[in-house]
Amino acid sequence: MEFCMQNKKIVFIAIISIVVVFIAGAYIYKQNESASYNAMLEQKASNLQKEHSIVLGKKEAKVQLVEFFDPACGTCAQFHPYVKKIMKENEGDIKLVLRYAPFHENSDFAVRVLEASRKQDKFMDTLEFMFATQKYWIEHHVVNPKMLWRILPKAGLDMEKLSADIENDSQKVTDIINQDLNDAKELGATKTPSYFVNGKPLETFGLDNLMNLIKSEL
């Protein structure tokens, strides 16, 4: 009888030990999964916005609208007024993060102009000027740097300073372009414009779909 009780005690202790090990293992697994998920979210957030990114709107806005764009992209030019309207109608609730995806040939030159224009506080003015004049400096989807440079004074830029800043910041802007292209690749942004709303990609392109996705986050 005593032997039987001892066996039951040993079995009971063994069961308890197994349960404890299982619970501990499940807890550790859950913690690792949580850490992995949080790391993934942090990486995705990093892919969406960098320190060098142009950000319009309040930093603490409820909705982050990220746009990967190409200054030579006709669709980007067409959508820009709608994005401005959405921003105005939801002022304070949306911040726009602009990222480069210069997929057109020679479009990196247009990006260099935009980055240099930032030093004159004329980024948006220059971008909107580029969008409005694409037909003058883009030929068969290829950027013509000479034609773009010829019309840029009409954007109100100090051309001497612009030229110097483009030259001095050449490597810096190359790094920015490469970083943005790498982030676009990581996020699956293969076309321009590509939009992300609070990290969610616009799966089916279209103005109504973009507005609906933004509204769902607001």
N, C-alpha and C. Protein backbone atom coordinates (compact mmCIF):
# COMPACT_ATOMS: atom_id res chain seq x y z
N MET A 1 0.84 -1.20 0.00
CA MET A 1 0.00 0.00 0.00
C MET A 1 0.88 1.25 0.00
N GLU A 2 1.89 1.21 0.86
CA GLU A 2 2.81 2.34 0.94
C GLU A 2 3.57 2.53 -0.37
N PHE A 3 3.94 1.42 -1.01
CA PHE A 3 4.65 1.44 -2.29
C PHE A 3 3.78 2.08 -3.38
N CYS A 4 2.50 1.73 -3.34
CA CYS A 4 1.53 2.26 -4.31
C CYS A 4 1.39 3.77 -4.15
N MET A 5 1.32 4.23 -2.90
CA MET A 5 1.19 5.65 -2.62
C MET A 5 2.41 6.42 -3.11
N GLN A 6 3.58 5.82 -2.91
CA GLN A 6 4.82 6.45 -3.36
C GLN A 6 4.84 6.60 -4.88
N ASN A 7 4.35 5.53 -5.56
CA ASN A 7 4.29 5.58 -7.03
C ASN A 7 3.37 6.69 -7.51
N LYS A 8 2.20 6.79 -6.81
CA LYS A 8 1.24 7.83 -7.17
C LYS A 8 1.85 9.22 -6.96
N LYS A 9 2.61 9.33 -5.87
CA LYS A 9 3.25 10.60 -5.57
C LYS A 9 4.27 10.98 -6.64
N ILE A 10 5.04 9.98 -7.06
CA ILE A 10 6.06 10.20 -8.09
C ILE A 10 5.40 10.60 -9.41
N VAL A 11 4.32 9.90 -9.76
CA VAL A 11 3.59 10.20 -11.00
C VAL A 11 3.00 11.61 -10.94
N PHE A 12 2.44 11.97 -9.78
CA PHE A 12 1.84 13.29 -9.60
C PHE A 12 2.90 14.39 -9.77
N ILE A 13 4.08 14.18 -9.14
CA ILE A 13 5.17 15.15 -9.25
C ILE A 13 5.63 15.27 -10.70
N ALA A 14 5.69 14.12 -11.38
CA ALA A 14 6.12 14.12 -12.78
C ALA A 14 5.14 14.90 -13.65
N ILE A 15 3.85 14.69 -13.39
CA ILE A 15 2.82 15.40 -14.16
C ILE A 15 2.93 16.91 -13.92
N ILE A 16 3.07 17.29 -12.64
CA ILE A 16 3.20 18.70 -12.30
C ILE A 16 4.42 19.31 -12.99
N SER A 17 5.52 18.55 -13.00
CA SER A 17 6.75 19.04 -13.63
C SER A 17 6.54 19.27 -15.12
N ILE A 18 5.85 18.32 -15.75
CA ILE A 18 5.57 18.44 -17.19
C ILE A 18 4.71 19.66 -17.48
N VAL A 19 3.69 19.84 -16.63
CA VAL A 19 2.79 20.99 -16.81
C VAL A 19 3.56 22.30 -16.65
N VAL A 20 4.42 22.35 -15.63
CA VAL A 20 5.22 23.57 -15.39
C VAL A 20 6.13 23.85 -16.57
N VAL A 21 6.79 22.79 -17.06
CA VAL A 21 7.68 22.94 -18.21
C VAL A 21 6.91 23.42 -19.43
N PHE A 22 5.70 22.85 -19.63
CA PHE A 22 4.87 23.22 -20.77
C PHE A 22 4.45 24.69 -20.70
N ILE A 23 4.00 25.10 -19.49
CA ILE A 23 3.57 26.49 -19.31
C ILE A 23 4.74 27.46 -19.51
N ALA A 24 5.90 27.07 -18.96
CA ALA A 24 7.07 27.92 -19.11
C ALA A 24 7.48 28.02 -20.58
N GLY A 25 7.43 26.87 -21.27
CA GLY A 25 7.77 26.86 -22.69
C GLY A 25 6.82 27.71 -23.51
N ALA A 26 5.52 27.59 -23.18
CA ALA A 26 4.50 28.37 -23.90
C ALA A 26 4.71 29.86 -23.66
N TYR A 27 5.05 30.21 -22.42
CA TYR A 27 5.28 31.62 -22.08
C TYR A 27 6.47 32.17 -22.84
N ILE A 28 7.57 31.41 -22.85
CA ILE A 28 8.78 31.84 -23.55
C ILE A 28 8.50 31.98 -25.05
N TYR A 29 7.75 31.00 -25.60
CA TYR A 29 7.42 31.03 -27.03
C TYR A 29 6.60 32.27 -27.36
N LYS A 30 5.63 32.55 -26.47
CA LYS A 30 4.76 33.71 -26.68
C LYS A 30 5.56 35.00 -26.62
N GLN A 31 6.49 35.07 -25.65
CA GLN A 31 7.32 36.26 -25.51
C GLN A 31 8.20 36.46 -26.75
N ASN A 32 8.75 35.35 -27.24
CA ASN A 32 9.60 35.42 -28.44
C ASN A 32 8.79 35.85 -29.65
N GLU A 33 7.57 35.28 -29.75
CA GLU A 33 6.69 35.64 -30.86
C GLU A 33 6.34 37.13 -30.79
N SER A 34 6.05 37.60 -29.59
CA SER A 34 5.70 39.00 -29.39
C SER A 34 6.87 39.90 -29.76
N ALA A 35 8.06 39.52 -29.32
CA ALA A 35 9.26 40.29 -29.62
C ALA A 35 9.52 40.31 -31.12
N SER A 36 9.33 39.16 -31.75
CA SER A 36 9.53 39.06 -33.20
C SER A 36 8.53 39.93 -33.95
N TYR A 37 7.27 39.91 -33.49
CA TYR A 37 6.22 40.71 -34.13
C TYR A 37 6.50 42.20 -33.96
N ASN A 38 6.91 42.58 -32.75
CA ASN A 38 7.22 43.99 -32.49
C ASN A 38 8.41 44.45 -33.33
N ALA A 39 9.40 43.56 -33.48
CA ALA A 39 10.56 43.89 -34.30
C ALA A 39 10.15 44.07 -35.76
N MET A 40 9.21 43.23 -36.21
CA MET A 40 8.71 43.33 -37.58
C MET A 40 7.99 44.67 -37.79
N LEU A 41 7.17 45.06 -36.80
CA LEU A 41 6.45 46.33 -36.88
C LEU A 41 7.41 47.51 -36.91
N GLU A 42 8.45 47.43 -36.07
CA GLU A 42 9.45 48.49 -36.03
C GLU A 42 10.19 48.60 -37.35
N GLN A 43 10.50 47.44 -37.95
CA GLN A 43 11.19 47.43 -39.23
C GLN A 43 10.32 48.03 -40.32
N LYS A 44 9.02 47.66 -40.29
CA LYS A 44 8.09 48.19 -41.29
C LYS A 44 7.93 49.69 -41.13
N ALA A 45 7.84 50.14 -39.88
CA ALA A 45 7.72 51.58 -39.62
C ALA A 45 8.95 52.31 -40.14
N SER A 46 10.11 51.68 -39.98
CA SER A 46 11.36 52.27 -40.46
C SER A 46 11.37 52.32 -41.98
N ASN A 47 10.81 51.30 -42.62
CA ASN A 47 10.75 51.27 -44.08
C ASN A 47 9.82 52.34 -44.63
N LEU A 48 8.84 52.74 -43.84
CA LEU A 48 7.85 53.71 -44.29
C LEU A 48 8.34 55.15 -44.18
N GLN A 49 9.11 55.45 -43.15
CA GLN A 49 9.55 56.83 -42.93
C GLN A 49 10.97 56.86 -42.40
N LYS A 50 11.78 57.71 -43.00
CA LYS A 50 13.15 57.90 -42.57
C LYS A 50 13.35 59.35 -42.12
N GLU A 51 14.48 59.61 -41.48
CA GLU A 51 14.76 60.96 -40.98
C GLU A 51 14.81 61.98 -42.13
N HIS A 52 15.26 61.53 -43.30
CA HIS A 52 15.40 62.45 -44.42
C HIS A 52 14.08 62.69 -45.15
N SER A 53 13.04 61.94 -44.83
CA SER A 53 11.78 62.02 -45.57
C SER A 53 11.10 63.37 -45.39
N ILE A 54 10.48 63.84 -46.46
CA ILE A 54 9.64 65.04 -46.39
C ILE A 54 8.35 64.65 -45.70
N VAL A 55 7.99 65.37 -44.64
CA VAL A 55 6.76 65.08 -43.89
C VAL A 55 5.92 66.36 -43.83
N LEU A 56 4.70 66.26 -44.31
CA LEU A 56 3.77 67.39 -44.29
C LEU A 56 2.63 67.06 -43.34
N GLY A 57 2.31 67.98 -42.44
CA GLY A 57 1.26 67.73 -41.47
C GLY A 57 1.83 67.53 -40.08
N LYS A 58 0.95 67.38 -39.12
CA LYS A 58 1.36 67.22 -37.73
C LYS A 58 2.03 65.87 -37.48
N LYS A 59 3.08 65.90 -36.70
CA LYS A 59 3.83 64.69 -36.38
C LYS A 59 2.95 63.64 -35.71
N GLU A 60 2.02 64.12 -34.84
CA GLU A 60 1.19 63.20 -34.06
C GLU A 60 -0.14 62.90 -34.74
N ALA A 61 -0.26 63.19 -36.03
CA ALA A 61 -1.51 62.94 -36.77
C ALA A 61 -1.94 61.48 -36.66
N LYS A 62 -3.25 61.27 -36.65
CA LYS A 62 -3.81 59.93 -36.48
C LYS A 62 -3.47 59.02 -37.65
N VAL A 63 -3.40 59.60 -38.85
CA VAL A 63 -3.15 58.81 -40.05
C VAL A 63 -1.84 59.22 -40.70
N GLN A 64 -1.03 58.21 -41.01
CA GLN A 64 0.22 58.43 -41.74
C GLN A 64 0.00 57.95 -43.18
N LEU A 65 0.03 58.89 -44.12
CA LEU A 65 -0.11 58.56 -45.54
C LEU A 65 1.27 58.63 -46.18
N VAL A 66 1.78 57.49 -46.60
CA VAL A 66 3.10 57.43 -47.22
C VAL A 66 2.92 57.26 -48.72
N GLU A 67 3.62 58.11 -49.48
CA GLU A 67 3.55 58.03 -50.94
C GLU A 67 4.95 57.86 -51.52
N PHE A 68 5.16 56.77 -52.23
CA PHE A 68 6.38 56.60 -53.02
C PHE A 68 6.08 57.17 -54.40
N PHE A 69 6.84 58.18 -54.80
CA PHE A 69 6.53 58.87 -56.05
C PHE A 69 7.78 59.09 -56.89
N ASP A 70 7.52 59.40 -58.15
CA ASP A 70 8.57 59.74 -59.10
C ASP A 70 8.20 61.10 -59.68
N PRO A 71 9.10 62.09 -59.64
CA PRO A 71 8.79 63.41 -60.20
C PRO A 71 8.41 63.35 -61.68
N ALA A 72 8.84 62.28 -62.36
CA ALA A 72 8.55 62.14 -63.79
C ALA A 72 7.32 61.27 -64.05
N CYS A 73 6.62 60.91 -63.00
CA CYS A 73 5.45 60.03 -63.12
C CYS A 73 4.20 60.86 -63.40
N GLY A 74 3.56 60.59 -64.56
CA GLY A 74 2.36 61.30 -64.93
C GLY A 74 1.20 61.06 -63.98
N THR A 75 1.06 59.83 -63.51
CA THR A 75 -0.02 59.50 -62.58
C THR A 75 0.19 60.19 -61.23
N CYS A 76 1.44 60.31 -60.82
CA CYS A 76 1.75 61.04 -59.58
C CYS A 76 1.29 62.49 -59.70
N ALA A 77 1.54 63.08 -60.88
CA ALA A 77 1.13 64.46 -61.12
C ALA A 77 -0.39 64.59 -61.10
N GLN A 78 -1.08 63.61 -61.67
CA GLN A 78 -2.55 63.63 -61.71
C GLN A 78 -3.15 63.48 -60.32
N PHE A 79 -2.53 62.66 -59.48
CA PHE A 79 -3.07 62.38 -58.15
C PHE A 79 -2.70 63.45 -57.13
N HIS A 80 -1.68 64.23 -57.41
CA HIS A 80 -1.20 65.21 -56.43
C HIS A 80 -2.29 66.17 -55.95
N PRO A 81 -3.10 66.76 -56.85
CA PRO A 81 -4.16 67.67 -56.38
C PRO A 81 -5.16 66.97 -55.46
N TYR A 82 -5.45 65.69 -55.73
CA TYR A 82 -6.39 64.95 -54.88
C TYR A 82 -5.81 64.70 -53.50
N VAL A 83 -4.52 64.41 -53.46
CA VAL A 83 -3.85 64.19 -52.17
C VAL A 83 -3.85 65.49 -51.38
N LYS A 84 -3.59 66.61 -52.05
CA LYS A 84 -3.63 67.92 -51.37
C LYS A 84 -5.02 68.20 -50.81
N LYS A 85 -6.03 67.85 -51.59
CA LYS A 85 -7.41 68.08 -51.15
C LYS A 85 -7.74 67.23 -49.93
N ILE A 86 -7.32 65.97 -49.96
CA ILE A 86 -7.55 65.08 -48.82
C ILE A 86 -6.86 65.62 -47.57
N MET A 87 -5.63 66.11 -47.74
CA MET A 87 -4.88 66.67 -46.63
C MET A 87 -5.60 67.90 -46.06
N LYS A 88 -6.09 68.75 -46.93
CA LYS A 88 -6.76 69.97 -46.49
C LYS A 88 -8.06 69.67 -45.76
N GLU A 89 -8.83 68.70 -46.29
CA GLU A 89 -10.12 68.35 -45.69
C GLU A 89 -9.96 67.66 -44.35
N ASN A 90 -8.79 67.08 -44.12
CA ASN A 90 -8.54 66.37 -42.86
C ASN A 90 -7.32 66.96 -42.15
N GLU A 91 -7.21 68.27 -42.21
CA GLU A 91 -6.06 68.96 -41.63
C GLU A 91 -5.90 68.63 -40.14
N GLY A 92 -4.71 68.23 -39.79
CA GLY A 92 -4.41 67.87 -38.41
C GLY A 92 -4.54 66.39 -38.14
N ASP A 93 -5.29 65.69 -38.99
CA ASP A 93 -5.51 64.26 -38.78
C ASP A 93 -4.65 63.38 -39.68
N ILE A 94 -4.04 63.98 -40.70
CA ILE A 94 -3.22 63.22 -41.64
C ILE A 94 -1.86 63.88 -41.80
N LYS A 95 -0.83 63.07 -41.80
CA LYS A 95 0.49 63.56 -42.19
C LYS A 95 0.92 62.80 -43.45
N LEU A 96 1.49 63.53 -44.39
CA LEU A 96 1.93 62.95 -45.65
C LEU A 96 3.43 62.78 -45.63
N VAL A 97 3.88 61.57 -45.89
CA VAL A 97 5.31 61.26 -45.96
C VAL A 97 5.66 60.97 -47.41
N LEU A 98 6.56 61.77 -47.97
CA LEU A 98 6.94 61.60 -49.37
C LEU A 98 8.27 60.86 -49.47
N ARG A 99 8.24 59.79 -50.26
CA ARG A 99 9.44 58.97 -50.48
C ARG A 99 9.72 58.88 -51.99
N TYR A 100 10.97 58.79 -52.34
CA TYR A 100 11.36 58.76 -53.76
C TYR A 100 11.35 57.33 -54.32
N ALA A 101 10.86 57.24 -55.54
CA ALA A 101 10.94 55.99 -56.30
C ALA A 101 11.17 56.37 -57.76
N PRO A 102 12.36 56.89 -58.07
CA PRO A 102 12.65 57.38 -59.42
C PRO A 102 12.88 56.24 -60.42
N PHE A 103 11.78 55.67 -60.88
CA PHE A 103 11.85 54.52 -61.78
C PHE A 103 12.11 54.94 -63.23
N HIS A 104 11.74 56.18 -63.60
CA HIS A 104 11.96 56.64 -64.97
C HIS A 104 13.45 56.92 -65.20
N GLU A 105 13.87 56.75 -66.43
CA GLU A 105 15.27 56.99 -66.78
C GLU A 105 15.63 58.46 -66.55
N ASN A 106 16.75 58.69 -65.89
CA ASN A 106 17.28 60.02 -65.56
C ASN A 106 16.45 60.76 -64.50
N SER A 107 15.47 60.07 -63.91
CA SER A 107 14.62 60.73 -62.93
C SER A 107 15.37 61.08 -61.66
N ASP A 108 16.50 60.44 -61.43
CA ASP A 108 17.29 60.76 -60.25
C ASP A 108 17.77 62.21 -60.29
N PHE A 109 17.91 62.77 -61.51
CA PHE A 109 18.31 64.18 -61.62
C PHE A 109 17.22 65.08 -61.07
N ALA A 110 15.97 64.74 -61.37
CA ALA A 110 14.84 65.52 -60.84
C ALA A 110 14.81 65.45 -59.31
N VAL A 111 15.15 64.28 -58.76
CA VAL A 111 15.20 64.12 -57.31
C VAL A 111 16.30 65.01 -56.73
N ARG A 112 17.43 65.07 -57.39
CA ARG A 112 18.54 65.91 -56.92
C ARG A 112 18.13 67.39 -56.90
N VAL A 113 17.37 67.79 -57.90
CA VAL A 113 16.85 69.17 -57.94
C VAL A 113 15.92 69.41 -56.75
N LEU A 114 15.04 68.45 -56.50
CA LEU A 114 14.10 68.59 -55.38
C LEU A 114 14.82 68.69 -54.05
N GLU A 115 15.82 67.84 -53.86
CA GLU A 115 16.56 67.87 -52.60
C GLU A 115 17.31 69.19 -52.43
N ALA A 116 17.85 69.71 -53.52
CA ALA A 116 18.55 71.00 -53.45
C ALA A 116 17.55 72.13 -53.19
N SER A 117 16.35 72.00 -53.72
CA SER A 117 15.33 73.05 -53.52
C SER A 117 14.89 73.12 -52.06
N ARG A 118 15.07 72.03 -51.31
CA ARG A 118 14.73 72.03 -49.88
C ARG A 118 15.54 73.09 -49.14
N LYS A 119 16.76 73.32 -49.58
CA LYS A 119 17.63 74.28 -48.91
C LYS A 119 17.21 75.72 -49.19
N GLN A 120 16.27 75.87 -50.12
CA GLN A 120 15.70 77.19 -50.39
C GLN A 120 14.25 77.26 -49.92
N ASP A 121 13.84 76.23 -49.15
CA ASP A 121 12.47 76.14 -48.65
C ASP A 121 11.45 76.19 -49.79
N LYS A 122 11.80 75.53 -50.89
CA LYS A 122 10.92 75.54 -52.06
C LYS A 122 10.65 74.13 -52.58
N PHE A 123 10.68 73.15 -51.69
CA PHE A 123 10.48 71.77 -52.14
C PHE A 123 9.12 71.59 -52.81
N MET A 124 8.04 71.92 -52.11
CA MET A 124 6.70 71.70 -52.65
C MET A 124 6.45 72.58 -53.87
N ASP A 125 6.94 73.81 -53.84
CA ASP A 125 6.79 74.69 -55.01
C ASP A 125 7.46 74.08 -56.23
N THR A 126 8.66 73.53 -56.01
CA THR A 126 9.42 72.94 -57.12
C THR A 126 8.77 71.65 -57.59
N LEU A 127 8.30 70.84 -56.66
CA LEU A 127 7.63 69.59 -57.04
C LEU A 127 6.38 69.89 -57.87
N GLU A 128 5.58 70.83 -57.43
CA GLU A 128 4.35 71.16 -58.15
C GLU A 128 4.66 71.79 -59.50
N PHE A 129 5.75 72.54 -59.57
CA PHE A 129 6.19 73.10 -60.85
C PHE A 129 6.59 71.97 -61.80
N MET A 130 7.30 70.99 -61.28
CA MET A 130 7.71 69.85 -62.10
C MET A 130 6.50 69.08 -62.61
N PHE A 131 5.56 68.82 -61.71
CA PHE A 131 4.36 68.10 -62.12
C PHE A 131 3.61 68.85 -63.23
N ALA A 132 3.55 70.17 -63.10
CA ALA A 132 2.79 70.98 -64.05
C ALA A 132 3.48 71.12 -65.41
N THR A 133 4.80 70.88 -65.43
CA THR A 133 5.57 71.11 -66.67
C THR A 133 6.19 69.84 -67.23
N GLN A 134 5.71 68.69 -66.81
CA GLN A 134 6.32 67.42 -67.24
C GLN A 134 6.46 67.31 -68.76
N LYS A 135 5.48 67.82 -69.49
CA LYS A 135 5.49 67.67 -70.95
C LYS A 135 6.68 68.39 -71.59
N TYR A 136 7.30 69.31 -70.86
CA TYR A 136 8.41 70.07 -71.41
C TYR A 136 9.78 69.41 -71.15
N TRP A 137 9.85 68.54 -70.15
CA TRP A 137 11.16 67.98 -69.82
C TRP A 137 11.18 66.45 -69.77
N ILE A 138 10.10 65.84 -70.21
CA ILE A 138 10.06 64.38 -70.31
C ILE A 138 9.73 63.99 -71.75
N GLU A 139 10.57 63.15 -72.32
CA GLU A 139 10.38 62.70 -73.70
C GLU A 139 10.33 61.19 -73.72
N HIS A 140 9.18 60.64 -74.13
CA HIS A 140 9.01 59.19 -74.19
C HIS A 140 9.38 58.53 -72.86
N HIS A 141 8.89 59.10 -71.76
CA HIS A 141 9.09 58.59 -70.40
C HIS A 141 10.53 58.70 -69.91
N VAL A 142 11.35 59.47 -70.61
CA VAL A 142 12.75 59.68 -70.22
C VAL A 142 12.94 61.15 -69.85
N VAL A 143 13.57 61.39 -68.69
CA VAL A 143 13.82 62.76 -68.24
C VAL A 143 14.95 63.38 -69.06
N ASN A 144 14.72 64.61 -69.52
CA ASN A 144 15.74 65.37 -70.22
C ASN A 144 16.26 66.43 -69.25
N PRO A 145 17.39 66.18 -68.59
CA PRO A 145 17.92 67.11 -67.58
C PRO A 145 18.14 68.53 -68.10
N LYS A 146 18.62 68.66 -69.34
CA LYS A 146 18.88 69.99 -69.89
C LYS A 146 17.59 70.79 -70.03
N MET A 147 16.52 70.14 -70.49
CA MET A 147 15.25 70.83 -70.64
C MET A 147 14.67 71.22 -69.28
N LEU A 148 14.81 70.34 -68.30
CA LEU A 148 14.32 70.65 -66.96
C LEU A 148 15.08 71.84 -66.39
N TRP A 149 16.40 71.82 -66.54
CA TRP A 149 17.23 72.91 -66.00
C TRP A 149 16.89 74.24 -66.66
N ARG A 150 16.54 74.17 -67.93
CA ARG A 150 16.25 75.40 -68.69
C ARG A 150 15.01 76.12 -68.16
N ILE A 151 14.03 75.35 -67.66
CA ILE A 151 12.78 75.97 -67.23
C ILE A 151 12.71 76.19 -65.71
N LEU A 152 13.65 75.66 -64.97
CA LEU A 152 13.60 75.75 -63.50
C LEU A 152 13.62 77.18 -62.95
N PRO A 153 14.28 78.14 -63.61
CA PRO A 153 14.22 79.51 -63.07
C PRO A 153 12.79 80.02 -62.89
N LYS A 154 11.86 79.52 -63.69
CA LYS A 154 10.47 79.95 -63.58
C LYS A 154 9.82 79.46 -62.28
N ALA A 155 10.50 78.55 -61.59
CA ALA A 155 10.00 78.06 -60.30
C ALA A 155 10.44 78.98 -59.17
N GLY A 156 11.18 80.03 -59.51
CA GLY A 156 11.61 80.99 -58.50
C GLY A 156 12.82 80.54 -57.71
N LEU A 157 13.64 79.67 -58.30
CA LEU A 157 14.80 79.13 -57.60
C LEU A 157 16.06 79.97 -57.88
N ASP A 158 16.93 80.01 -56.89
CA ASP A 158 18.26 80.59 -57.06
C ASP A 158 19.10 79.53 -57.75
N MET A 159 19.29 79.68 -59.05
CA MET A 159 19.92 78.63 -59.84
C MET A 159 21.40 78.41 -59.49
N GLU A 160 22.08 79.48 -59.12
CA GLU A 160 23.50 79.34 -58.74
C GLU A 160 23.63 78.51 -57.47
N LYS A 161 22.79 78.81 -56.49
CA LYS A 161 22.80 78.04 -55.25
C LYS A 161 22.33 76.61 -55.50
N LEU A 162 21.31 76.46 -56.34
CA LEU A 162 20.79 75.13 -56.67
C LEU A 162 21.88 74.26 -57.26
N SER A 163 22.63 74.81 -58.19
CA SER A 163 23.71 74.07 -58.86
C SER A 163 24.78 73.65 -57.85
N ALA A 164 25.15 74.58 -56.97
CA ALA A 164 26.19 74.28 -55.97
C ALA A 164 25.72 73.20 -55.00
N ASP A 165 24.46 73.28 -54.56
CA ASP A 165 23.94 72.30 -53.61
C ASP A 165 23.80 70.92 -54.24
N ILE A 166 23.43 70.88 -55.51
CA ILE A 166 23.34 69.59 -56.21
C ILE A 166 24.71 68.92 -56.25
N GLU A 167 25.73 69.71 -56.55
CA GLU A 167 27.09 69.17 -56.63
C GLU A 167 27.62 68.77 -55.25
N ASN A 168 27.43 69.62 -54.26
CA ASN A 168 27.98 69.36 -52.92
C ASN A 168 27.30 68.18 -52.24
N ASP A 169 26.02 67.99 -52.51
CA ASP A 169 25.25 66.93 -51.82
C ASP A 169 25.06 65.69 -52.68
N SER A 170 25.88 65.54 -53.69
CA SER A 170 25.72 64.45 -54.65
C SER A 170 25.65 63.07 -53.98
N GLN A 171 26.64 62.76 -53.13
CA GLN A 171 26.68 61.45 -52.49
C GLN A 171 25.54 61.30 -51.49
N LYS A 172 25.23 62.35 -50.76
CA LYS A 172 24.15 62.32 -49.78
C LYS A 172 22.82 61.99 -50.45
N VAL A 173 22.55 62.62 -51.58
CA VAL A 173 21.29 62.38 -52.29
C VAL A 173 21.28 60.99 -52.92
N THR A 174 22.44 60.54 -53.38
CA THR A 174 22.53 59.17 -53.90
C THR A 174 22.15 58.17 -52.82
N ASP A 175 22.63 58.40 -51.61
CA ASP A 175 22.30 57.52 -50.48
C ASP A 175 20.80 57.57 -50.17
N ILE A 176 20.21 58.76 -50.25
CA ILE A 176 18.77 58.91 -50.00
C ILE A 176 17.97 58.14 -51.04
N ILE A 177 18.35 58.29 -52.30
CA ILE A 177 17.65 57.60 -53.38
C ILE A 177 17.74 56.09 -53.19
N ASN A 178 18.95 55.61 -52.89
CA ASN A 178 19.15 54.16 -52.70
C ASN A 178 18.35 53.65 -51.51
N GLN A 179 18.30 54.44 -50.43
CA GLN A 179 17.55 54.04 -49.24
C GLN A 179 16.06 53.96 -49.55
N ASP A 180 15.55 54.97 -50.25
CA ASP A 180 14.12 54.98 -50.57
C ASP A 180 13.75 53.84 -51.52
N LEU A 181 14.61 53.59 -52.49
CA LEU A 181 14.36 52.48 -53.42
C LEU A 181 14.40 51.13 -52.70
N ASN A 182 15.32 51.00 -51.76
CA ASN A 182 15.41 49.76 -50.99
C ASN A 182 14.16 49.57 -50.13
N ASP A 183 13.70 50.64 -49.49
CA ASP A 183 12.49 50.55 -48.66
C ASP A 183 11.26 50.25 -49.53
N ALA A 184 11.22 50.85 -50.72
CA ALA A 184 10.12 50.58 -51.65
C ALA A 184 10.09 49.10 -52.02
N LYS A 185 11.27 48.55 -52.25
CA LYS A 185 11.37 47.13 -52.60
C LYS A 185 10.91 46.26 -51.44
N GLU A 186 11.35 46.59 -50.23
CA GLU A 186 10.97 45.82 -49.04
C GLU A 186 9.46 45.84 -48.83
N LEU A 187 8.83 46.95 -49.16
CA LEU A 187 7.39 47.11 -48.95
C LEU A 187 6.56 46.64 -50.14
N GLY A 188 7.24 46.29 -51.23
CA GLY A 188 6.52 45.82 -52.42
C GLY A 188 5.97 46.94 -53.27
N ALA A 189 6.55 48.14 -53.13
CA ALA A 189 6.11 49.28 -53.93
C ALA A 189 6.88 49.27 -55.25
N THR A 190 6.29 48.68 -56.25
CA THR A 190 6.97 48.50 -57.54
C THR A 190 6.51 49.50 -58.60
N LYS A 191 5.47 50.28 -58.28
CA LYS A 191 4.96 51.26 -59.23
C LYS A 191 4.76 52.59 -58.51
N THR A 192 4.64 53.66 -59.31
CA THR A 192 4.36 54.97 -58.72
C THR A 192 3.05 55.50 -59.29
N PRO A 193 2.28 56.18 -58.43
CA PRO A 193 2.51 56.29 -56.99
C PRO A 193 2.07 55.03 -56.25
N SER A 194 2.76 54.72 -55.17
CA SER A 194 2.36 53.64 -54.26
C SER A 194 2.04 54.27 -52.91
N TYR A 195 0.88 53.90 -52.37
CA TYR A 195 0.42 54.51 -51.12
C TYR A 195 0.33 53.49 -50.00
N PHE A 196 0.63 53.96 -48.78
CA PHE A 196 0.47 53.17 -47.57
C PHE A 196 -0.22 54.05 -46.53
N VAL A 197 -1.29 53.52 -45.95
CA VAL A 197 -2.05 54.27 -44.95
C VAL A 197 -1.91 53.55 -43.61
N ASN A 198 -1.21 54.19 -42.69
CA ASN A 198 -0.89 53.56 -41.40
C ASN A 198 -0.28 52.17 -41.60
N GLY A 199 0.58 52.09 -42.59
CA GLY A 199 1.29 50.85 -42.87
C GLY A 199 0.56 49.89 -43.79
N LYS A 200 -0.71 50.16 -44.06
CA LYS A 200 -1.50 49.28 -44.93
C LYS A 200 -1.35 49.73 -46.38
N PRO A 201 -0.96 48.81 -47.26
CA PRO A 201 -0.80 49.19 -48.67
C PRO A 201 -2.14 49.36 -49.37
N LEU A 202 -2.17 50.26 -50.34
CA LEU A 202 -3.35 50.40 -51.19
C LEU A 202 -3.29 49.26 -52.20
N GLU A 203 -4.03 48.19 -51.91
CA GLU A 203 -3.94 46.96 -52.70
C GLU A 203 -4.41 47.17 -54.14
N THR A 204 -5.57 47.84 -54.29
CA THR A 204 -6.11 48.09 -55.63
C THR A 204 -6.08 49.59 -55.88
N PHE A 205 -5.29 49.99 -56.86
CA PHE A 205 -5.07 51.42 -57.11
C PHE A 205 -6.34 52.10 -57.58
N GLY A 206 -6.54 53.32 -57.09
CA GLY A 206 -7.69 54.11 -57.49
C GLY A 206 -7.99 55.15 -56.43
N LEU A 207 -8.52 56.29 -56.86
CA LEU A 207 -8.79 57.38 -55.93
C LEU A 207 -9.82 56.99 -54.88
N ASP A 208 -10.92 56.37 -55.31
CA ASP A 208 -11.96 55.96 -54.35
C ASP A 208 -11.41 54.97 -53.33
N ASN A 209 -10.57 54.04 -53.81
CA ASN A 209 -9.99 53.05 -52.90
C ASN A 209 -9.05 53.71 -51.89
N LEU A 210 -8.30 54.70 -52.35
CA LEU A 210 -7.40 55.42 -51.45
C LEU A 210 -8.20 56.18 -50.40
N MET A 211 -9.24 56.86 -50.83
CA MET A 211 -10.06 57.64 -49.90
C MET A 211 -10.76 56.73 -48.88
N ASN A 212 -11.21 55.57 -49.35
CA ASN A 212 -11.88 54.62 -48.44
C ASN A 212 -10.89 54.07 -47.41
N LEU A 213 -9.67 53.81 -47.84
CA LEU A 213 -8.67 53.28 -46.92
C LEU A 213 -8.32 54.35 -45.88
N ILE A 214 -8.21 55.58 -46.30
CA ILE A 214 -7.92 56.67 -45.36
C ILE A 214 -9.07 56.85 -44.38
N LYS A 215 -10.31 56.82 -44.89
CA LYS A 215 -11.48 56.98 -44.03
C LYS A 215 -11.56 55.87 -42.99
N SER A 216 -11.18 54.66 -43.39
CA SER A 216 -11.25 53.53 -42.45
C SER A 216 -10.27 53.71 -41.31
N GLU A 217 -9.19 54.43 -41.54
CA GLU A 217 -8.19 54.68 -40.50
C GLU A 217 -8.54 55.92 -39.67
N LEU A 218 -9.28 56.84 -40.28
CA LEU A 218 -9.69 58.03 -39.54
C LEU A 218 -10.77 57.69 -38.53
